[in-house]
Structures are given as structure tokens and as C-alpha cells.
N, C-alpha and C. Protein backbone atom coordinates (compact mmCIF):
# COMPACT_ATOMS: atom_id res chain seq x y z
N MET A 1 57.43 138.83 31.87
CA MET A 1 57.17 138.44 32.91
C MET A 1 57.91 138.20 33.98
N ILE A 2 58.10 138.63 35.10
CA ILE A 2 59.26 138.64 35.99
C ILE A 2 59.12 137.20 37.22
N ASP A 3 59.88 136.73 37.12
CA ASP A 3 59.91 135.51 37.68
C ASP A 3 60.20 135.62 39.46
N VAL A 4 59.73 135.32 40.16
CA VAL A 4 59.74 135.77 41.79
C VAL A 4 60.87 135.05 42.27
N ASN A 5 61.11 133.83 41.83
CA ASN A 5 62.58 133.27 42.36
C ASN A 5 63.70 133.80 41.79
N ASP A 6 63.85 134.61 40.65
CA ASP A 6 65.00 135.29 40.29
C ASP A 6 65.33 136.85 41.25
N SER A 7 63.97 137.23 41.47
CA SER A 7 64.65 138.50 42.33
C SER A 7 64.70 138.42 43.76
N PHE A 8 64.17 137.31 44.40
CA PHE A 8 63.90 136.99 45.61
C PHE A 8 64.89 135.97 46.21
N GLY A 9 64.69 134.88 45.48
CA GLY A 9 65.61 133.46 45.80
C GLY A 9 64.73 132.41 46.30
N ALA A 10 64.93 131.12 46.04
CA ALA A 10 63.78 130.19 46.30
C ALA A 10 64.06 130.33 48.00
N ASP A 11 64.53 130.56 48.93
CA ASP A 11 64.18 130.15 50.32
C ASP A 11 63.67 131.90 50.79
N ALA A 12 63.15 132.89 49.93
CA ALA A 12 62.40 134.22 50.33
C ALA A 12 60.95 133.87 50.91
N PRO A 13 60.22 133.96 51.56
CA PRO A 13 59.30 134.05 51.93
C PRO A 13 58.17 134.62 51.50
N VAL A 14 57.50 134.82 50.35
CA VAL A 14 56.84 135.49 49.71
C VAL A 14 55.37 135.14 49.80
N TYR A 15 55.32 134.38 49.69
CA TYR A 15 53.55 133.67 49.49
C TYR A 15 52.95 133.37 50.48
N VAL A 16 51.56 133.78 50.97
CA VAL A 16 50.82 133.73 51.70
C VAL A 16 50.20 132.46 51.63
N ILE A 17 49.77 131.85 52.75
CA ILE A 17 49.21 130.82 52.63
C ILE A 17 48.46 130.22 51.65
N SER A 18 47.23 130.94 51.71
CA SER A 18 46.42 130.16 50.57
C SER A 18 47.13 130.65 49.22
N VAL A 19 47.91 131.06 48.58
CA VAL A 19 48.68 130.90 47.68
C VAL A 19 49.86 129.70 47.51
N ALA A 20 50.52 129.63 48.70
CA ALA A 20 51.67 128.22 48.59
C ALA A 20 50.62 127.28 48.51
N ALA A 21 49.08 127.11 49.22
CA ALA A 21 48.44 125.97 49.21
C ALA A 21 48.22 125.75 47.60
N GLU A 22 47.80 126.41 46.93
CA GLU A 22 47.66 126.48 45.80
C GLU A 22 48.31 125.99 44.85
N LEU A 23 49.66 126.62 45.16
CA LEU A 23 50.94 125.85 44.45
C LEU A 23 51.13 124.58 44.82
N ALA A 24 51.35 124.32 45.49
CA ALA A 24 51.23 123.27 46.10
C ALA A 24 50.31 122.15 45.81
N GLY A 25 49.15 122.24 45.67
CA GLY A 25 48.03 121.57 45.60
C GLY A 25 47.16 120.95 46.67
N MET A 26 47.23 121.91 47.91
CA MET A 26 46.81 121.54 49.11
C MET A 26 45.72 122.23 49.53
N HIS A 27 45.32 121.90 50.33
CA HIS A 27 44.04 122.94 51.26
C HIS A 27 44.96 123.73 52.30
N PRO A 28 44.90 125.04 52.37
CA PRO A 28 45.60 125.48 53.51
C PRO A 28 45.62 125.23 54.78
N GLN A 29 44.33 124.35 55.26
CA GLN A 29 44.68 123.64 56.69
C GLN A 29 45.73 122.41 56.76
N THR A 30 46.16 122.08 55.50
CA THR A 30 47.15 120.79 55.60
C THR A 30 48.20 121.60 55.97
N LEU A 31 48.31 122.70 55.36
CA LEU A 31 49.67 123.16 55.33
C LEU A 31 49.75 123.38 56.85
N ARG A 32 48.61 124.35 57.36
CA ARG A 32 48.72 124.48 59.03
C ARG A 32 49.33 123.48 59.70
N GLN A 33 48.67 122.51 59.54
CA GLN A 33 49.17 121.28 60.30
C GLN A 33 50.35 120.72 59.93
N TYR A 34 50.95 120.87 58.84
CA TYR A 34 52.35 120.44 58.63
C TYR A 34 53.22 121.45 59.30
N ASP A 35 52.68 122.89 59.17
CA ASP A 35 53.64 123.56 60.17
C ASP A 35 53.66 123.16 61.78
N ARG A 36 52.61 122.79 62.33
CA ARG A 36 52.59 122.34 63.61
C ARG A 36 53.24 121.16 63.72
N LEU A 37 53.25 120.21 62.87
CA LEU A 37 54.19 119.15 62.94
C LEU A 37 55.55 119.44 62.81
N GLY A 38 55.89 120.55 62.32
CA GLY A 38 57.22 120.55 61.80
C GLY A 38 57.63 120.13 60.66
N ILE A 39 56.75 119.62 59.99
CA ILE A 39 57.51 119.21 58.35
C ILE A 39 57.74 120.28 57.37
N VAL A 40 56.88 121.54 57.63
CA VAL A 40 57.60 122.34 56.69
C VAL A 40 57.25 123.65 57.77
N SER A 41 58.58 124.64 58.10
CA SER A 41 57.81 125.60 58.79
C SER A 41 58.38 126.96 57.73
N PRO A 42 57.23 127.50 57.62
CA PRO A 42 57.47 128.66 56.93
C PRO A 42 57.83 129.72 57.85
N GLY A 43 58.36 131.11 57.06
CA GLY A 43 58.63 132.20 57.86
C GLY A 43 57.27 132.72 58.04
N ARG A 44 57.80 133.98 59.04
CA ARG A 44 56.50 134.68 59.88
C ARG A 44 56.75 136.24 59.23
N ALA A 45 55.49 136.73 58.87
CA ALA A 45 55.41 138.24 58.75
C ALA A 45 55.38 138.58 60.02
N SER A 46 55.50 140.18 59.83
CA SER A 46 55.47 141.00 61.17
C SER A 46 54.06 140.74 61.87
N GLY A 47 53.08 140.51 61.24
CA GLY A 47 51.65 139.92 61.74
C GLY A 47 51.56 138.97 62.26
N ARG A 48 52.50 137.96 62.11
CA ARG A 48 52.49 136.61 62.37
C ARG A 48 51.87 135.89 61.46
N GLY A 49 51.45 136.04 60.27
CA GLY A 49 50.94 135.68 59.22
C GLY A 49 52.16 134.57 58.82
N ARG A 50 51.98 133.32 58.48
CA ARG A 50 52.78 132.30 57.60
C ARG A 50 53.04 133.37 56.38
N ARG A 51 54.35 133.06 55.93
CA ARG A 51 54.95 133.01 54.55
C ARG A 51 55.90 132.04 54.18
N TYR A 52 55.50 131.71 52.55
CA TYR A 52 56.10 130.50 52.42
C TYR A 52 56.98 130.72 51.09
N SER A 53 58.39 130.05 51.03
CA SER A 53 58.95 130.24 50.02
C SER A 53 58.58 129.21 48.84
N MET A 54 59.28 129.27 47.60
CA MET A 54 59.20 128.47 46.93
C MET A 54 59.94 127.19 47.34
N ARG A 55 61.19 126.87 47.92
CA ARG A 55 61.40 126.05 48.55
C ARG A 55 60.50 125.46 49.58
N ASP A 56 59.78 126.14 50.35
CA ASP A 56 58.91 125.64 50.92
C ASP A 56 57.51 124.90 50.19
N VAL A 57 57.15 125.24 49.17
CA VAL A 57 56.26 124.82 47.96
C VAL A 57 56.73 123.78 47.63
N GLN A 58 58.24 123.38 47.09
CA GLN A 58 58.81 122.37 46.54
C GLN A 58 58.64 121.40 47.58
N THR A 59 58.91 121.36 48.72
CA THR A 59 58.86 120.49 49.45
C THR A 59 57.33 120.16 49.75
N LEU A 60 56.40 120.81 50.08
CA LEU A 60 55.15 120.41 50.33
C LEU A 60 54.66 119.42 49.28
N ARG A 61 55.37 119.93 47.63
CA ARG A 61 54.91 118.91 46.72
C ARG A 61 55.28 117.52 46.99
N GLU A 62 56.79 117.19 47.77
CA GLU A 62 57.30 116.49 47.91
C GLU A 62 56.65 115.35 49.11
N VAL A 63 56.21 116.51 50.06
CA VAL A 63 55.56 115.48 51.02
C VAL A 63 54.48 114.97 50.45
N GLN A 64 53.43 115.42 49.39
CA GLN A 64 52.41 114.90 48.88
C GLN A 64 52.94 114.02 48.15
N ARG A 65 53.83 113.77 47.61
CA ARG A 65 54.24 112.94 46.79
C ARG A 65 54.63 111.18 47.33
N LEU A 66 54.99 111.67 48.68
CA LEU A 66 56.09 110.91 49.58
C LEU A 66 54.37 109.94 49.91
N SER A 67 53.61 110.64 50.49
CA SER A 67 52.27 110.33 51.23
C SER A 67 51.68 109.56 50.26
N GLN A 68 50.93 109.99 49.06
CA GLN A 68 50.55 109.56 48.39
C GLN A 68 50.65 108.46 47.43
N GLU A 69 52.19 108.50 46.63
CA GLU A 69 52.54 108.12 45.91
C GLU A 69 53.68 106.64 46.46
N GLU A 70 53.90 106.70 47.77
CA GLU A 70 54.85 105.94 48.56
C GLU A 70 54.41 105.45 49.76
N GLY A 71 53.04 106.17 50.13
CA GLY A 71 52.13 105.62 51.31
C GLY A 71 53.01 105.68 52.57
N ILE A 72 53.72 106.71 52.63
CA ILE A 72 54.71 107.06 53.92
C ILE A 72 54.06 107.84 54.56
N ASN A 73 53.90 107.43 56.21
CA ASN A 73 53.03 108.35 57.08
C ASN A 73 54.16 109.85 57.21
N LEU A 74 53.57 110.66 57.98
CA LEU A 74 53.98 112.00 58.58
C LEU A 74 55.26 111.55 59.16
N ALA A 75 55.30 110.78 60.23
CA ALA A 75 56.96 110.71 60.87
C ALA A 75 57.76 110.11 60.02
N GLY A 76 57.10 109.49 59.18
CA GLY A 76 58.15 108.98 58.16
C GLY A 76 58.87 110.03 57.00
N ILE A 77 57.78 110.60 56.61
CA ILE A 77 58.10 111.77 56.00
C ILE A 77 59.27 112.95 56.55
N LYS A 78 58.58 113.19 58.09
CA LYS A 78 59.61 114.57 58.57
C LYS A 78 60.92 113.79 58.79
N ARG A 79 61.13 112.43 59.01
CA ARG A 79 62.52 111.90 59.22
C ARG A 79 63.24 112.17 57.63
N ILE A 80 62.28 111.65 56.80
CA ILE A 80 63.14 111.74 55.40
C ILE A 80 63.40 113.04 54.90
N LEU A 81 62.79 114.04 55.27
CA LEU A 81 63.28 115.74 55.13
C LEU A 81 64.24 115.83 56.09
N GLU A 82 64.35 115.32 57.35
CA GLU A 82 65.45 115.85 58.18
C GLU A 82 66.71 115.22 57.60
N LEU A 83 66.56 113.72 57.14
CA LEU A 83 67.84 113.32 56.81
C LEU A 83 68.34 113.97 55.53
N GLY A 84 67.54 114.46 54.56
CA GLY A 84 67.70 115.25 53.34
C GLY A 84 68.63 116.43 53.82
N HIS A 85 67.72 117.14 54.85
CA HIS A 85 68.77 118.50 55.23
C HIS A 85 69.77 117.79 55.80
N GLU A 86 70.11 117.10 56.36
CA GLU A 86 71.52 116.83 56.98
C GLU A 86 72.71 116.18 56.07
N VAL A 87 72.03 115.65 55.06
CA VAL A 87 73.02 115.22 53.88
C VAL A 87 72.95 116.50 52.92
N GLU A 88 72.05 117.40 52.73
CA GLU A 88 73.17 118.86 52.39
C GLU A 88 74.08 119.30 52.97
N GLN A 89 73.75 119.54 54.55
CA GLN A 89 74.93 119.86 55.34
C GLN A 89 75.90 119.41 55.08
N LEU A 90 76.04 118.26 55.07
CA LEU A 90 77.31 117.24 55.22
C LEU A 90 77.78 117.26 53.77
N ARG A 91 76.90 117.75 52.90
CA ARG A 91 77.75 117.67 51.37
C ARG A 91 78.49 119.17 51.37
N GLU A 92 77.84 120.08 51.78
CA GLU A 92 78.40 121.60 51.71
C GLU A 92 79.45 121.42 52.36
N GLN A 93 80.21 120.45 53.92
CA GLN A 93 80.77 120.68 54.82
C GLN A 93 82.18 119.71 54.04
N VAL A 94 81.74 119.31 53.25
CA VAL A 94 82.44 118.43 52.51
C VAL A 94 83.49 118.96 51.42
N PHE A 95 82.30 120.14 50.79
CA PHE A 95 83.13 120.60 49.81
C PHE A 95 83.88 121.57 50.37
N HIS A 96 83.57 122.55 51.12
CA HIS A 96 84.29 123.42 52.16
C HIS A 96 85.75 122.64 52.54
N LEU A 97 85.65 121.56 53.20
CA LEU A 97 86.80 120.55 53.71
C LEU A 97 87.71 120.29 52.37
N ALA A 98 87.08 119.72 51.47
CA ALA A 98 87.97 119.68 50.19
C ALA A 98 89.11 121.15 49.72
N ASN A 99 88.05 121.94 49.58
CA ASN A 99 88.66 123.14 48.96
C ASN A 99 89.76 123.48 50.04
N GLU A 100 89.66 123.23 51.41
CA GLU A 100 90.52 123.89 52.64
C GLU A 100 91.86 122.98 52.45
N LEU A 101 91.07 121.53 51.94
CA LEU A 101 92.67 120.58 51.77
C LEU A 101 93.21 120.64 50.67
N GLU A 102 92.84 121.32 49.51
CA GLU A 102 93.55 121.61 48.19
C GLU A 102 94.31 122.88 48.47
N ALA A 103 93.80 123.94 49.36
CA ALA A 103 94.58 125.32 49.45
C ALA A 103 95.67 124.95 50.16
N ALA A 104 95.70 124.01 51.44
CA ALA A 104 96.72 123.43 52.51
C ALA A 104 97.78 122.74 51.18
N ARG A 105 97.22 121.86 50.29
CA ARG A 105 98.54 121.11 49.53
C ARG A 105 98.98 122.09 48.91
N ARG A 106 98.92 123.07 48.16
CA ARG A 106 98.91 123.99 47.06
C ARG A 106 99.92 124.81 48.23
N ALA A 107 99.58 124.93 49.38
CA ALA A 107 100.78 126.03 49.94
C ALA A 107 101.83 125.28 50.66
N VAL A 108 101.43 124.26 51.09
CA VAL A 108 102.36 122.90 50.98
C VAL A 108 103.95 122.84 49.92
N ALA A 109 103.10 122.53 48.74
CA ALA A 109 103.86 122.66 47.51
C ALA A 109 104.74 123.74 47.35
N ARG A 110 104.00 124.75 47.48
CA ARG A 110 105.15 126.08 47.09
C ARG A 110 106.10 126.07 48.18
N ARG A 111 105.71 125.51 49.53
CA ARG A 111 107.02 126.01 50.17
C ARG A 111 107.58 124.74 50.48
N GLY A 112 107.65 123.87 49.65
CA GLY A 112 108.23 122.44 49.73
C GLY A 112 109.44 122.52 48.52
N ARG A 113 109.20 123.95 47.53
CA ARG A 113 109.96 124.00 46.37
C ARG A 113 111.19 124.18 46.71
N PRO A 114 112.27 123.59 45.97
CA PRO A 114 113.56 124.14 46.26
C PRO A 114 114.02 125.57 45.97
N THR A 115 114.79 125.98 46.58
CA THR A 115 115.14 127.59 46.05
C THR A 115 116.22 127.70 45.39
N GLY A 116 117.01 126.00 44.97
CA GLY A 116 117.96 126.55 43.76
C GLY A 116 119.58 126.36 44.32
N SER A 117 119.51 126.41 45.72
CA SER A 117 120.87 126.37 46.32
C SER A 117 121.25 124.84 46.58
N GLY A 118 120.76 123.83 46.08
CA GLY A 118 121.33 122.80 45.63
C GLY A 118 121.10 122.04 47.13
N GLY A 119 120.36 121.98 48.06
CA GLY A 119 120.32 121.78 49.20
C GLY A 119 119.43 120.14 49.13
N GLY A 120 120.23 119.55 48.05
CA GLY A 120 119.47 117.91 47.83
C GLY A 120 118.29 117.37 47.32
N ALA A 121 117.35 118.23 47.53
CA ALA A 121 116.04 118.35 47.43
C ALA A 121 116.02 118.08 45.63
N VAL A 122 115.09 117.38 45.11
CA VAL A 122 115.03 117.32 43.90
C VAL A 122 113.71 117.94 43.10
N ARG A 123 113.86 118.93 42.26
CA ARG A 123 112.52 119.67 42.10
C ARG A 123 111.36 119.37 42.03
N GLY A 124 110.38 119.74 42.91
CA GLY A 124 109.24 119.50 43.01
C GLY A 124 108.78 118.46 43.89
N GLU A 125 110.06 117.77 45.01
CA GLU A 125 110.09 116.53 45.73
C GLU A 125 109.56 117.16 46.78
N LEU A 126 108.66 116.71 47.80
CA LEU A 126 108.60 117.39 49.08
C LEU A 126 109.26 116.27 50.49
N VAL A 127 110.20 117.03 51.11
CA VAL A 127 110.98 116.29 52.33
C VAL A 127 109.87 116.40 53.31
N ARG A 128 109.63 115.16 53.78
CA ARG A 128 108.96 115.08 55.00
C ARG A 128 109.93 114.38 55.73
N ARG A 129 109.62 114.98 57.29
CA ARG A 129 110.41 114.67 58.45
C ARG A 129 109.32 114.14 59.36
N THR A 130 109.42 113.36 60.19
CA THR A 130 108.26 112.49 61.53
C THR A 130 109.29 112.13 62.38
N ARG A 131 108.61 112.16 63.00
CA ARG A 131 109.36 111.73 64.46
C ARG A 131 108.39 111.18 64.98
N VAL A 132 108.92 109.89 65.49
CA VAL A 132 107.91 108.64 66.10
C VAL A 132 108.60 108.50 67.47
N THR A 133 107.85 108.41 68.24
CA THR A 133 107.45 108.02 69.87
C THR A 133 107.00 106.60 70.29
N ILE A 134 107.68 105.43 70.67
CA ILE A 134 107.26 104.50 71.09
C ILE A 134 107.10 104.04 72.56
N PHE A 135 106.15 103.72 73.00
CA PHE A 135 106.24 103.87 74.39
C PHE A 135 105.54 102.36 74.86
N ASN A 136 106.33 101.66 75.53
CA ASN A 136 106.11 100.34 75.52
C ASN A 136 105.38 100.34 77.22
N THR A 137 103.90 99.99 77.08
CA THR A 137 102.92 99.92 78.19
C THR A 137 102.62 98.42 78.54
N ALA A 138 103.06 97.56 77.79
CA ALA A 138 102.74 96.01 78.14
C ALA A 138 103.48 95.69 79.42
N GLU A 139 102.94 94.78 79.97
CA GLU A 139 103.49 94.13 81.61
C GLU A 139 104.07 93.00 80.90
N PRO A 140 105.52 92.45 81.30
CA PRO A 140 106.33 91.85 81.07
C PRO A 140 105.31 90.28 81.00
N PRO A 141 105.66 89.55 80.41
CA PRO A 141 105.00 88.30 80.58
C PRO A 141 105.72 87.34 81.91
N GLU A 142 104.90 86.75 82.46
CA GLU A 142 104.87 85.90 84.09
C GLU A 142 105.57 84.57 83.61
N ASP A 143 106.82 84.66 84.12
CA ASP A 143 107.25 83.00 84.25
C ASP A 143 106.88 81.97 84.78
N ASP A 144 107.04 81.12 84.86
CA ASP A 144 106.20 79.87 85.44
C ASP A 144 106.70 79.74 86.83
N THR A 145 107.74 80.09 87.31
CA THR A 145 108.07 80.03 88.80
C THR A 145 107.62 81.23 89.43
N ARG A 146 106.89 82.42 89.22
CA ARG A 146 105.83 83.25 89.91
C ARG A 146 104.69 82.71 89.97
N ARG A 147 104.36 82.27 88.62
CA ARG A 147 102.61 81.84 88.74
C ARG A 147 102.66 80.90 89.57
N ALA A 148 103.99 79.86 89.83
CA ALA A 148 103.84 78.64 90.60
C ALA A 148 104.12 79.14 92.23
N GLY A 149 104.31 80.40 92.70
CA GLY A 149 104.13 80.44 94.00
C GLY A 149 105.32 80.71 94.27
N GLN A 150 106.46 80.16 93.71
CA GLN A 150 108.18 80.02 94.55
C GLN A 150 108.78 81.48 94.53
N ASP A 151 109.39 81.31 95.43
CA ASP A 151 110.34 82.78 95.98
C ASP A 151 111.84 82.68 95.03
N ARG A 152 112.09 83.89 94.65
CA ARG A 152 113.03 84.04 94.16
C ARG A 152 114.31 84.33 95.14
N PRO A 153 115.53 84.46 95.24
CA PRO A 153 116.23 85.06 95.89
C PRO A 153 116.69 86.70 95.86
N ALA A 154 116.58 87.49 97.07
CA ALA A 154 116.98 88.97 96.76
C ALA A 154 118.10 89.02 95.79
N GLY A 155 117.48 90.41 95.05
CA GLY A 155 118.53 90.73 93.89
C GLY A 155 118.43 89.80 92.55
N GLU A 156 117.67 88.74 92.47
CA GLU A 156 117.79 88.02 91.44
C GLU A 156 116.29 88.39 90.77
N GLY A 157 115.83 88.30 89.34
CA GLY A 157 114.76 88.62 88.74
C GLY A 157 114.63 89.97 88.26
N PRO A 158 113.40 90.10 87.80
CA PRO A 158 112.98 91.19 87.21
C PRO A 158 112.59 92.40 88.18
N GLU A 159 112.30 92.04 89.50
CA GLU A 159 111.49 92.89 90.36
C GLU A 159 112.91 93.21 91.34
N ALA A 160 114.21 92.70 91.08
CA ALA A 160 115.34 92.92 92.14
C ALA A 160 115.25 94.60 92.03
N GLY A 161 115.15 94.97 93.06
CA GLY A 161 115.57 96.55 93.61
C GLY A 161 114.47 97.38 93.04
N ASP A 162 113.36 96.93 93.08
CA ASP A 162 112.18 97.86 92.83
C ASP A 162 111.49 98.11 94.26
N GLY A 163 111.92 97.68 95.27
CA GLY A 163 111.56 98.09 96.82
C GLY A 163 110.41 97.01 97.34
N THR A 164 109.99 95.87 96.48
CA THR A 164 109.03 95.42 96.79
C THR A 164 109.51 93.93 97.63
N GLU A 165 109.12 93.34 98.29
CA GLU A 165 109.30 91.87 98.90
C GLU A 165 108.51 90.63 97.96
N ASN A 166 108.97 89.69 98.01
CA ASN A 166 108.21 88.58 97.68
C ASN A 166 107.72 87.88 98.97
N GLN A 167 106.55 87.59 98.74
CA GLN A 167 105.86 86.94 99.77
C GLN A 167 104.88 85.59 98.84
N GLY A 168 105.18 84.71 99.72
CA GLY A 168 104.52 83.54 98.87
C GLY A 168 103.30 82.81 99.62
């Protein structure tokens, strides 16, 4: 016997609504309602008929379980499914980023290998250079005489030569 999943994959929209409803143990009208609510969105045939994949059928079974066994309403189920999809996407992204990071580490390790010219680096040691620039943006602390409103003679203190006049 040929398994449909082997030849088409879990995401291939191959089941008409009556077959998908039977596989999920539901009434076809329930599947139509779930489609309207956006809980399960089947593919469409050229005549606009719904076509469900094996993944859709599995989702329908999960919806039924959450509803009947856990007592979760349809809005909650929809949110659970959305979050599950988001987690899947994030896991895939983490997988790809981890692969990119590993490839970058290997490239840096290859580039950092000494050529044997006696440049001072030990074999396998990676030399890193870092440039740090520090900007002091903090205001200088006010001293007691300025807070008290006392004027300083011109040419003295931190504001000397800054083009402003002290006004008391």
C-alpha cells in the first residue's frame, strides 16, 4: 500500500473536506467553521474546493483534543496554535543562526592560524584587536558657590573663557 505522506508530504493538500472530516473524526461543517475562524486554513483546488493536508488533519485532531479534554475555547485554541507556529519558526531561525555562527567561527579560526613565519602568535591562538572610544558626556558637578548664587571673578573657574557671563 502506498502512503500518501510518502509521495506528497505532510503539507500536500490532497484530502477533500469529507475525507479530512472522517480522518479527524469531525463533521464537515465543523471543518468549515474552523476555516472561517482561521483555526485551520486548508488549501484550495482550482474550483475553490477545500483541500486538506495530513498536517491539517493532525491539527484538527489537536483542536478536538484541546476542546474536549482540556476544555479550552476556540479563541484559546487558535492562540495556542499561533504560538506553536511561532515557536516552530523561532526554532528554525535559531537553527540557521547557530549554523551561521559555527561557519563564521570556523572561518575566523582558519584566518587566525599562523603561517609559520614566527609572527609571535602561538599555533591555534587567535589574536584580537579592539578599539575602545570613551566619550564623557556627564555634566561636571556643580560646586556650592554656584548653587548659592555667588559670582566668580571673570577668568576663574570652569566657565572661564566660555563666552558666557555670570548673572546673579
